[in-house]
Amino acid sequence: MKRLVPLLLIVPLLLACNFVTQAFSPSATPSPIPTTQPVGADTEPTRTPHPTATPFRLALERVDPLPTRCSESPFGLPAEKIVEVAYVPSGFCFNGEIDTFGTNDRLYVVQSLGDGAAFFITDVTDPTQPFITGAWQWNDFTYTADVKAFHQGSRQFIVLSMEPMIKVCGVAIVEVTDPAAPLFLDNYTGENTGASENWCDTHTTEVSRDGNGDGAFIYASSIETSDLRVLDIRDLGNVREINHYTHPDANLDNFVHDTAIVGDRVYVAYWSAGVILLDRAQIESGAEVQPLNPLDSIAPEGLQIHHSYPTTDGNFLFVEDEVNYDGETSQLRLYDIRDLSAPKEVLSISLDAPYSSPHNLLVVGDLLFVGWYTDGVRVFKYDVSDPEAPTIAPYAFKATRPEKTTGVFGSDIYDSIYGVRLHDCAIEGRPMTCIYASDLTRGLLILAMEK
């Protein structure tokens, strides 16, 4: 989701409330009154010592008890080829990005919690009987926009991107090897990673993995610098920025919103500048970065590219816009990228009378999964076996709202399915594919479809 300016509207109120609380609290300690004594030959006035500021240290706090708001089940609505398995209300009214991780033979789902808290973990080892592991919040106000999971050996981690509501921002790494007792490692910004420019305000991240599947680099979308920052995390005791990519026309309307790392390519959703493809090995080597496609060559007119994802063969690319909803214009397109010097749009994908915009994408095999906000989980089957005549058609869906609804920030577009993750599972003894879907204002939906 694009950085949401309305969050900043509460800052003056928060500051004012803090001032009033301190000024009128009966437990407030009055300021010391300076004392004096006669000045003699061997004496000096006693001076009140200057207060010493305590450096702020970001920390996690467990949320206990959990809230119970926004817990109305979205189940019981139409579906095709997708079945309902379980619903887990988080109690929070803002549930963002979603990912999965496994440790000690158990499977977990983690969701970011926007402006309500930091993250929420659910044990989904048995998808029919999920249970809440816990929720954690930061010790100061921030907007936790995104979460991604990675491992290094047997240790499990999540990375959280944060946008400032007052001052806290950056890229936080938390160890979740013991999911019930997360360990905050540190928060990384341009200031403490040796960056070429100072950056902090981060909307999304993506993790690049080495040949063993271990997390090796974090790609962070920097709002201040309107570009992509790459952190080397192979040594978590010495996280350093090793490269960045900045579009020549980068500005507040041409900024990196998200990235997808598939194979040896990095697909950068650069908002009004469209999609930029980068060579993964080049950018991770620290070398000067050169785009693989011409500037503005994957930039459909009238759309701001929010996310993109390639087909399994890497010859085509789905690109998506989330903000230009009018109920008619397609916000999801397919590009032929076989010739990177001249990408071309070949298909547009739409719903009939949609309630909302598409959001995050995921391609598995010949299926495209879309978190389509108020329109629920949408699955399309594509066929690019004849690259000169690719096709795509609806394959499965699960409705999550009976009508157009008001979601986060009072918007009638941003409600329900934010994104999905998949994992093999068994339901009543049948092998299936479980779909874990993050519902913006309700929590976690566990769905399943035939393999």
Protein backbone atom coordinates (compact mmCIF):
# COMPACT_ATOMS: atom_id res chain seq x y z
CA MET A 1 0.00 0.00 0.00
CA LYS A 2 1.31 3.46 -0.86
CA ARG A 3 2.67 5.41 2.07
CA LEU A 4 -0.41 6.71 3.85
CA VAL A 5 -0.16 10.39 4.64
CA PRO A 6 -3.29 10.46 6.84
CA LEU A 7 -1.28 8.72 9.57
CA LEU A 8 0.63 11.92 10.09
CA LEU A 9 -2.54 13.80 10.95
CA ILE A 10 -2.58 12.26 14.42
CA VAL A 11 0.92 13.40 15.31
CA PRO A 12 -0.05 16.88 16.62
CA LEU A 13 -2.78 15.30 18.73
CA LEU A 14 -0.39 12.74 20.19
CA LEU A 15 2.14 15.40 21.04
CA ALA A 16 -0.52 17.61 22.61
CA CYS A 17 -1.92 14.75 24.68
CA ASN A 18 1.56 13.90 25.89
CA PHE A 19 2.17 17.50 26.97
CA VAL A 20 -1.13 17.77 28.82
CA THR A 21 -0.59 14.43 30.57
CA GLN A 22 2.82 15.45 31.81
CA ALA A 23 1.69 18.90 32.88
CA PHE A 24 -1.36 17.86 34.89
CA SER A 25 -0.58 14.33 36.05
CA PRO A 26 -0.77 14.18 39.89
CA SER A 27 2.18 11.81 39.87
CA ALA A 28 4.39 14.15 37.89
CA THR A 29 7.57 15.11 39.72
CA PRO A 30 7.92 18.92 40.06
CA SER A 31 11.04 20.52 38.68
CA PRO A 32 13.73 21.04 41.35
CA ILE A 33 14.06 24.57 42.70
CA PRO A 34 17.61 25.91 42.52
CA THR A 35 19.16 26.61 45.92
CA THR A 36 21.83 29.18 46.78
CA GLN A 37 24.17 29.82 49.65
CA PRO A 38 26.24 32.85 50.60
CA VAL A 39 29.26 33.27 48.46
CA GLY A 40 32.43 33.26 50.49
CA ALA A 41 36.07 33.13 49.69
CA ASP A 42 36.06 29.34 49.34
CA THR A 43 32.51 28.70 48.22
CA GLU A 44 30.57 28.86 44.97
CA PRO A 45 26.82 28.79 44.38
CA THR A 46 25.28 25.33 44.25
CA ARG A 47 24.07 24.80 40.72
CA THR A 48 21.25 22.56 39.58
CA PRO A 49 22.78 19.84 37.39
CA HIS A 50 21.69 19.75 33.77
CA PRO A 51 19.38 16.80 33.04
CA THR A 52 21.03 13.92 31.17
CA ALA A 53 19.03 12.56 28.23
CA THR A 54 18.57 8.80 28.13
CA PRO A 55 19.12 7.52 24.58
CA PHE A 56 15.97 6.01 23.15
CA ARG A 57 16.21 2.28 22.50
CA LEU A 58 13.61 0.63 20.32
CA ALA A 59 12.14 -2.47 21.95
CA LEU A 60 9.31 -4.97 21.61
CA GLU A 61 6.54 -5.44 24.15
CA ARG A 62 4.08 -8.33 24.23
CA VAL A 63 0.44 -7.30 23.80
CA ASP A 64 -1.44 -8.86 26.70
CA PRO A 65 -4.36 -9.18 26.77
CA LEU A 66 -5.04 -9.24 23.07
CA PRO A 67 -7.71 -6.86 21.77
CA THR A 68 -11.03 -8.24 20.56
CA ARG A 69 -12.05 -5.59 18.04
CA CYS A 70 -12.65 -6.13 14.32
CA SER A 71 -13.43 -9.82 14.80
CA GLU A 72 -16.51 -10.39 12.66
CA SER A 73 -15.99 -13.53 10.57
CA PRO A 74 -15.77 -12.97 6.80
CA PHE A 75 -16.74 -16.61 6.16
CA GLY A 76 -19.97 -17.87 4.65
CA LEU A 77 -19.71 -16.02 1.33
CA PRO A 78 -19.53 -17.51 -2.19
CA ALA A 79 -16.46 -19.38 -3.42
CA GLU A 80 -15.30 -21.53 -6.30
CA LYS A 81 -12.63 -24.27 -5.95
CA ILE A 82 -11.62 -22.78 -2.58
CA VAL A 83 -12.91 -24.03 0.78
CA GLU A 84 -12.96 -22.33 4.16
CA VAL A 85 -10.73 -23.97 6.78
CA ALA A 86 -10.37 -21.62 9.76
CA TYR A 87 -10.64 -17.96 10.75
CA VAL A 88 -8.28 -16.36 13.29
CA PRO A 89 -9.31 -12.85 14.37
CA SER A 90 -6.26 -10.88 15.45
CA GLY A 91 -8.31 -8.30 17.35
CA PHE A 92 -6.47 -5.56 15.48
CA CYS A 93 -8.18 -3.41 12.87
CA PHE A 94 -5.13 -3.16 10.59
CA ASN A 95 -3.51 -6.40 9.39
CA GLY A 96 -0.92 -5.92 6.67
CA GLU A 97 1.60 -8.09 4.84
CA ILE A 98 1.81 -11.81 5.54
CA ASP A 99 4.51 -14.49 5.44
CA THR A 100 5.18 -17.99 6.77
CA PHE A 101 8.11 -19.60 8.56
CA GLY A 102 8.82 -22.96 10.15
CA THR A 103 10.76 -23.99 13.22
CA ASN A 104 10.90 -27.16 15.31
CA ASP A 105 8.60 -28.98 12.87
CA ARG A 106 5.87 -26.37 13.28
CA LEU A 107 4.50 -23.86 10.77
CA TYR A 108 3.70 -20.25 11.63
CA VAL A 109 2.07 -17.29 9.92
CA VAL A 110 3.28 -13.77 10.72
CA GLN A 111 1.37 -10.58 9.83
CA SER A 112 2.40 -6.95 10.18
CA LEU A 113 -0.03 -4.76 12.11
CA GLY A 114 0.25 -1.31 10.54
CA ASP A 115 -0.33 1.50 13.03
CA GLY A 116 -1.87 -0.80 15.68
CA ALA A 117 1.20 -2.80 16.74
CA ALA A 118 4.25 -4.53 15.22
CA PHE A 119 3.34 -8.13 14.31
CA PHE A 120 1.06 -11.07 15.07
CA ILE A 121 2.06 -14.77 14.99
CA THR A 122 -0.30 -17.73 14.55
CA ASP A 123 0.62 -21.41 14.80
CA VAL A 124 -0.94 -23.09 11.73
CA THR A 125 0.77 -26.49 12.01
CA ASP A 126 -2.72 -27.97 11.99
CA PRO A 127 -4.57 -25.57 9.68
CA THR A 128 -7.92 -26.77 10.98
CA GLN A 129 -6.95 -25.92 14.57
CA PRO A 130 -4.76 -22.79 14.46
CA PHE A 131 -3.93 -20.94 17.63
CA ILE A 132 -2.45 -17.55 18.44
CA THR A 133 1.18 -17.50 19.55
CA GLY A 134 1.09 -13.81 20.40
CA ALA A 135 1.24 -10.21 19.25
CA TRP A 136 3.96 -7.65 19.89
CA GLN A 137 4.12 -3.87 19.74
CA TRP A 138 6.92 -1.33 19.66
CA ASN A 139 7.66 0.91 22.64
CA ASP A 140 6.95 3.99 20.52
CA PHE A 141 4.58 4.99 17.75
CA THR A 142 5.36 3.81 14.21
CA TYR A 143 3.65 2.30 11.19
CA THR A 144 4.85 -1.27 10.57
CA ALA A 145 4.07 -1.53 6.89
CA ASP A 146 5.60 -4.84 5.87
CA VAL A 147 6.99 -8.16 7.13
CA LYS A 148 9.11 -10.84 5.47
CA ALA A 149 10.53 -14.06 6.94
CA PHE A 150 13.94 -15.62 6.35
CA HIS A 151 16.30 -18.09 7.98
CA GLN A 152 20.01 -18.51 8.46
CA GLY A 153 20.74 -22.14 9.24
CA SER A 154 18.31 -23.24 11.93
CA ARG A 155 17.66 -19.68 13.14
CA GLN A 156 14.45 -17.99 11.98
CA PHE A 157 14.00 -14.24 11.52
CA ILE A 158 11.51 -11.66 10.36
CA VAL A 159 12.31 -8.27 8.90
CA LEU A 160 9.86 -5.41 9.45
CA SER A 161 9.78 -2.14 7.55
CA MET A 162 8.67 0.95 9.45
CA GLU A 163 7.43 4.40 8.48
CA PRO A 164 7.59 7.18 11.08
CA MET A 165 4.47 8.37 12.86
CA ILE A 166 6.69 10.48 15.11
CA LYS A 167 10.30 9.32 14.93
CA VAL A 168 10.65 5.52 14.68
CA CYS A 169 11.44 4.18 11.22
CA GLY A 170 13.83 1.87 9.41
CA VAL A 171 14.31 -1.87 8.92
CA ALA A 172 14.03 -4.01 12.06
CA ILE A 173 15.25 -7.61 12.32
CA VAL A 174 13.66 -9.88 14.93
CA GLU A 175 14.68 -13.47 15.68
CA VAL A 176 11.67 -15.79 15.94
CA THR A 177 13.39 -19.15 16.40
CA ASP A 178 11.27 -19.28 19.55
CA PRO A 179 8.08 -17.69 18.17
CA ALA A 180 6.66 -17.20 21.68
CA ALA A 181 9.69 -15.12 22.72
CA PRO A 182 10.84 -12.96 19.78
CA LEU A 183 14.27 -11.37 20.16
CA PHE A 184 14.76 -7.88 18.68
CA LEU A 185 18.22 -7.66 17.12
CA ASP A 186 18.40 -4.08 15.89
CA ASN A 187 16.87 -1.41 13.70
CA TYR A 188 18.79 -0.40 10.58
CA THR A 189 18.81 2.92 8.73
CA GLY A 190 21.24 4.78 6.55
CA GLU A 191 22.82 6.17 9.70
CA ASN A 192 24.08 2.85 11.10
CA THR A 193 24.73 0.87 7.90
CA GLY A 194 27.38 3.07 6.27
CA ALA A 195 24.95 4.26 3.59
CA SER A 196 25.85 6.79 0.94
CA GLU A 197 22.79 8.84 2.00
CA ASN A 198 20.79 8.88 5.19
CA TRP A 199 17.48 7.03 4.90
CA CYS A 200 15.01 5.71 7.43
CA ASP A 201 11.39 5.84 6.19
CA THR A 202 10.90 2.34 4.73
CA HIS A 203 7.70 1.05 3.15
CA THR A 204 8.55 -2.51 2.07
CA THR A 205 11.39 -5.01 2.11
CA GLU A 206 12.30 -8.18 0.25
CA VAL A 207 14.90 -10.80 1.18
CA SER A 208 17.39 -12.31 -1.26
CA ARG A 209 18.62 -15.82 -0.42
CA ASP A 210 21.87 -17.62 -1.13
CA GLY A 211 22.30 -21.10 -2.60
CA ASN A 212 21.45 -22.70 0.77
CA GLY A 213 18.25 -20.70 1.10
CA ASP A 214 19.71 -18.52 3.85
CA GLY A 215 18.80 -14.83 3.95
CA ALA A 216 21.71 -12.89 2.44
CA PHE A 217 20.49 -9.41 1.44
CA ILE A 218 17.57 -7.15 2.31
CA TYR A 219 16.15 -4.88 -0.39
CA ALA A 220 14.50 -1.87 1.26
CA SER A 221 12.30 0.75 -0.38
CA SER A 222 13.49 4.10 0.93
CA ILE A 223 10.88 6.85 0.85
CA GLU A 224 13.21 9.80 1.58
CA THR A 225 15.64 8.93 -1.20
CA SER A 226 12.95 7.49 -3.53
CA ASP A 227 15.08 4.48 -4.32
CA LEU A 228 16.10 0.91 -3.49
CA ARG A 229 18.67 0.21 -0.75
CA VAL A 230 20.46 -3.14 -0.46
CA LEU A 231 21.72 -4.37 2.92
CA ASP A 232 24.18 -7.25 3.34
CA ILE A 233 22.85 -9.38 6.22
CA ARG A 234 25.13 -12.40 5.86
CA ASP A 235 26.80 -11.26 9.08
CA LEU A 236 23.97 -10.07 11.34
CA GLY A 237 26.54 -8.57 13.68
CA ASN A 238 27.65 -6.18 10.94
CA VAL A 239 24.76 -5.26 8.66
CA ARG A 240 25.99 -2.89 5.94
CA GLU A 241 24.52 -1.15 2.92
CA ILE A 242 26.39 -2.47 -0.09
CA ASN A 243 24.53 -0.87 -2.98
CA HIS A 244 21.49 1.07 -4.12
CA TYR A 245 19.58 1.80 -7.30
CA THR A 246 18.13 5.25 -7.96
CA HIS A 247 16.02 5.99 -11.02
CA PRO A 248 17.35 9.08 -12.84
CA ASP A 249 13.93 10.72 -12.45
CA ALA A 250 13.38 9.63 -8.83
CA ASN A 251 11.13 11.96 -6.87
CA LEU A 252 8.13 11.83 -4.55
CA ASP A 253 6.02 10.38 -7.35
CA ASN A 254 8.72 8.09 -8.74
CA PHE A 255 9.69 5.97 -5.75
CA VAL A 256 10.26 2.29 -5.08
CA HIS A 257 7.10 0.79 -3.68
CA ASP A 258 7.98 -2.93 -3.68
CA THR A 259 10.29 -5.53 -5.16
CA ALA A 260 10.06 -9.16 -6.21
CA ILE A 261 13.20 -11.29 -6.37
CA VAL A 262 12.80 -14.33 -8.61
CA GLY A 263 15.77 -16.26 -9.96
CA ASP A 264 18.57 -13.95 -11.06
CA ARG A 265 16.35 -10.89 -11.52
CA VAL A 266 14.99 -8.16 -9.28
CA TYR A 267 11.64 -6.67 -10.34
CA VAL A 268 11.35 -3.15 -8.93
CA ALA A 269 7.89 -1.55 -8.82
CA TYR A 270 8.90 2.09 -9.23
CA TRP A 271 5.41 3.67 -9.05
CA SER A 272 4.95 6.26 -11.83
CA ALA A 273 8.20 5.09 -13.47
CA GLY A 274 6.75 1.59 -13.96
CA VAL A 275 8.86 -1.54 -13.47
CA ILE A 276 12.64 -1.62 -13.58
CA LEU A 277 14.40 -4.99 -13.94
CA LEU A 278 17.82 -5.37 -12.33
CA ASP A 279 20.47 -8.07 -12.42
CA ARG A 280 20.57 -9.58 -8.95
CA ALA A 281 24.23 -10.61 -9.09
CA GLN A 282 25.26 -7.15 -10.26
CA ILE A 283 23.51 -5.20 -7.53
CA GLU A 284 24.58 -7.63 -4.79
CA SER A 285 28.21 -7.42 -5.91
CA GLY A 286 28.29 -3.71 -5.18
CA ALA A 287 28.92 -2.84 -8.83
CA GLU A 288 27.32 0.14 -10.54
CA VAL A 289 23.76 -0.85 -11.39
CA GLN A 290 22.39 -0.74 -14.93
CA PRO A 291 18.73 -1.56 -15.61
CA LEU A 292 18.03 -4.53 -17.87
CA ASN A 293 15.11 -2.78 -19.62
CA PRO A 294 14.82 0.77 -20.99
CA LEU A 295 13.37 3.36 -18.65
CA ASP A 296 9.57 3.71 -18.94
CA SER A 297 9.33 0.54 -21.05
CA ILE A 298 7.00 -1.19 -18.53
CA ALA A 299 4.88 1.77 -17.48
CA PRO A 300 1.23 1.48 -18.56
CA GLU A 301 -0.33 4.88 -19.07
CA GLY A 302 -2.45 6.10 -16.17
CA LEU A 303 -1.20 3.49 -13.69
CA GLN A 304 1.26 3.65 -10.79
CA ILE A 305 2.96 0.28 -10.46
CA HIS A 306 2.59 -1.04 -6.96
CA HIS A 307 3.77 -4.66 -7.40
CA SER A 308 4.91 -7.03 -10.13
CA TYR A 309 5.61 -10.75 -10.45
CA PRO A 310 6.98 -12.84 -13.36
CA THR A 311 5.48 -15.99 -14.83
CA THR A 312 7.25 -19.21 -13.90
CA ASP A 313 9.31 -19.23 -17.12
CA GLY A 314 10.36 -15.61 -16.63
CA ASN A 315 9.17 -14.61 -20.11
CA PHE A 316 6.17 -12.56 -18.99
CA LEU A 317 5.49 -10.15 -16.14
CA PHE A 318 2.28 -9.29 -14.29
CA VAL A 319 2.17 -5.64 -13.17
CA GLU A 320 -0.41 -4.12 -10.84
CA ASP A 321 -1.70 -0.71 -9.73
CA GLU A 322 -3.69 -0.18 -6.52
CA VAL A 323 -4.65 3.51 -6.48
CA ASN A 324 -6.34 4.29 -9.80
CA TYR A 325 -9.58 2.40 -9.17
CA ASP A 326 -12.61 3.54 -11.16
CA GLY A 327 -14.44 0.23 -11.47
CA GLU A 328 -13.74 0.01 -15.21
CA THR A 329 -10.06 0.41 -16.05
CA SER A 330 -7.89 -2.69 -15.74
CA GLN A 331 -5.31 -2.29 -12.97
CA LEU A 332 -3.60 -5.62 -13.72
CA ARG A 333 -1.64 -6.13 -16.94
CA LEU A 334 0.61 -8.77 -18.52
CA TYR A 335 3.83 -7.80 -20.30
CA ASP A 336 5.93 -9.85 -22.70
CA ILE A 337 9.52 -9.41 -21.48
CA ARG A 338 11.26 -11.99 -23.69
CA ASP A 339 13.03 -9.11 -25.41
CA LEU A 340 14.08 -6.87 -22.54
CA SER A 341 15.03 -4.13 -24.94
CA ALA A 342 11.39 -3.81 -26.01
CA PRO A 343 8.83 -5.12 -23.47
CA LYS A 344 5.24 -4.98 -24.67
CA GLU A 345 1.84 -5.17 -23.01
CA VAL A 346 -0.11 -8.18 -24.23
CA LEU A 347 -3.09 -8.66 -21.89
CA SER A 348 -5.21 -6.83 -19.34
CA ILE A 349 -7.03 -8.58 -16.49
CA SER A 350 -10.21 -7.28 -14.88
CA LEU A 351 -13.13 -8.35 -12.73
CA ASP A 352 -16.76 -7.66 -13.59
CA ALA A 353 -17.92 -4.68 -11.50
CA PRO A 354 -15.11 -4.91 -8.93
CA TYR A 355 -15.52 -3.39 -5.48
CA SER A 356 -11.85 -2.47 -5.19
CA SER A 357 -8.30 -2.57 -6.55
CA PRO A 358 -5.98 -5.56 -6.80
CA HIS A 359 -3.10 -5.65 -4.34
CA ASN A 360 -0.17 -8.05 -3.86
CA LEU A 361 0.57 -10.80 -6.41
CA LEU A 362 2.01 -14.30 -6.20
CA VAL A 363 2.72 -16.74 -9.04
CA VAL A 364 2.98 -20.48 -8.38
CA GLY A 365 3.19 -22.79 -11.38
CA ASP A 366 0.59 -21.69 -13.93
CA LEU A 367 -1.56 -19.90 -11.34
CA LEU A 368 -1.64 -16.21 -10.42
CA PHE A 369 -2.91 -15.46 -6.91
CA VAL A 370 -4.13 -11.94 -6.19
CA GLY A 371 -5.15 -10.38 -2.91
CA TRP A 372 -7.91 -8.27 -4.45
CA TYR A 373 -8.86 -6.23 -1.39
CA THR A 374 -12.68 -6.17 -0.98
CA ASP A 375 -13.11 -8.66 -3.84
CA GLY A 376 -11.28 -11.32 -1.82
CA VAL A 377 -8.85 -13.98 -3.00
CA ARG A 378 -8.72 -14.26 -6.79
CA VAL A 379 -6.88 -16.99 -8.70
CA PHE A 380 -6.22 -16.96 -12.44
CA LYS A 381 -4.80 -19.67 -14.68
CA TYR A 382 -2.46 -18.44 -17.38
CA ASP A 383 -1.02 -20.20 -20.42
CA VAL A 384 2.08 -18.86 -22.16
CA SER A 385 3.00 -22.10 -23.97
CA ASP A 386 2.35 -20.15 -27.18
CA PRO A 387 4.17 -16.92 -26.35
CA GLU A 388 2.64 -15.20 -29.35
CA ALA A 389 -0.87 -15.81 -27.99
CA PRO A 390 -0.82 -15.95 -24.16
CA THR A 391 -4.12 -16.48 -22.34
CA ILE A 392 -5.40 -15.99 -18.82
CA ALA A 393 -8.75 -16.88 -17.29
CA PRO A 394 -10.39 -16.92 -13.83
CA TYR A 395 -9.72 -20.21 -12.06
CA ALA A 396 -10.87 -19.91 -8.43
CA PHE A 397 -12.10 -17.30 -5.97
CA LYS A 398 -13.21 -16.74 -2.41
CA ALA A 399 -15.43 -13.77 -1.62
CA THR A 400 -14.70 -12.07 1.70
CA ARG A 401 -17.17 -9.17 1.71
CA PRO A 402 -20.80 -9.18 0.56
CA GLU A 403 -20.59 -5.60 -0.71
CA LYS A 404 -18.34 -2.58 -0.98
CA THR A 405 -17.12 -1.70 2.51
CA THR A 406 -15.13 0.94 4.33
CA GLY A 407 -11.71 -0.27 5.42
CA VAL A 408 -8.56 1.33 6.78
CA PHE A 409 -8.24 5.13 6.79
CA GLY A 410 -11.92 5.49 5.92
CA SER A 411 -11.32 4.28 2.36
CA ASP A 412 -13.93 2.25 0.45
CA ILE A 413 -11.12 0.59 -1.57
CA TYR A 414 -8.68 -0.63 1.08
CA ASP A 415 -10.46 -3.42 2.92
CA SER A 416 -10.12 -7.21 3.15
CA ILE A 417 -7.41 -9.26 1.37
CA TYR A 418 -3.96 -7.70 1.47
CA GLY A 419 -1.95 -10.67 0.25
CA VAL A 420 -1.58 -14.45 0.42
CA ARG A 421 0.97 -17.18 1.07
CA LEU A 422 0.68 -20.88 0.13
CA HIS A 423 1.78 -24.10 1.83
CA ASP A 424 1.10 -27.78 1.32
CA CYS A 425 -1.35 -29.15 3.86
CA ALA A 426 -3.80 -31.96 4.54
CA ILE A 427 -7.47 -31.33 5.21
CA GLU A 428 -9.44 -34.34 6.44
CA GLY A 429 -6.69 -36.58 5.10
CA ARG A 430 -6.71 -35.04 1.61
CA PRO A 431 -3.55 -33.37 0.29
CA MET A 432 -4.35 -29.77 -0.53
CA THR A 433 -2.78 -26.35 -0.93
CA CYS A 434 -3.52 -24.10 2.03
CA ILE A 435 -3.97 -20.41 1.29
CA TYR A 436 -3.12 -18.08 4.16
CA ALA A 437 -4.73 -14.70 3.50
CA SER A 438 -4.24 -11.50 5.48
CA ASP A 439 -7.52 -9.62 5.86
CA LEU A 440 -6.87 -5.92 6.45
CA THR A 441 -9.57 -5.40 9.06
CA ARG A 442 -10.36 -8.95 10.28
CA GLY A 443 -7.14 -10.95 10.79
CA LEU A 444 -6.11 -14.29 9.25
CA LEU A 445 -8.14 -16.45 6.86
CA ILE A 446 -7.06 -20.04 6.26
CA LEU A 447 -8.43 -21.43 3.00
CA ALA A 448 -7.60 -24.46 0.87
CA MET A 449 -7.85 -25.68 -2.71
CA GLU A 450 -7.19 -28.98 -4.46
CA LYS A 451 -3.58 -29.50 -5.45
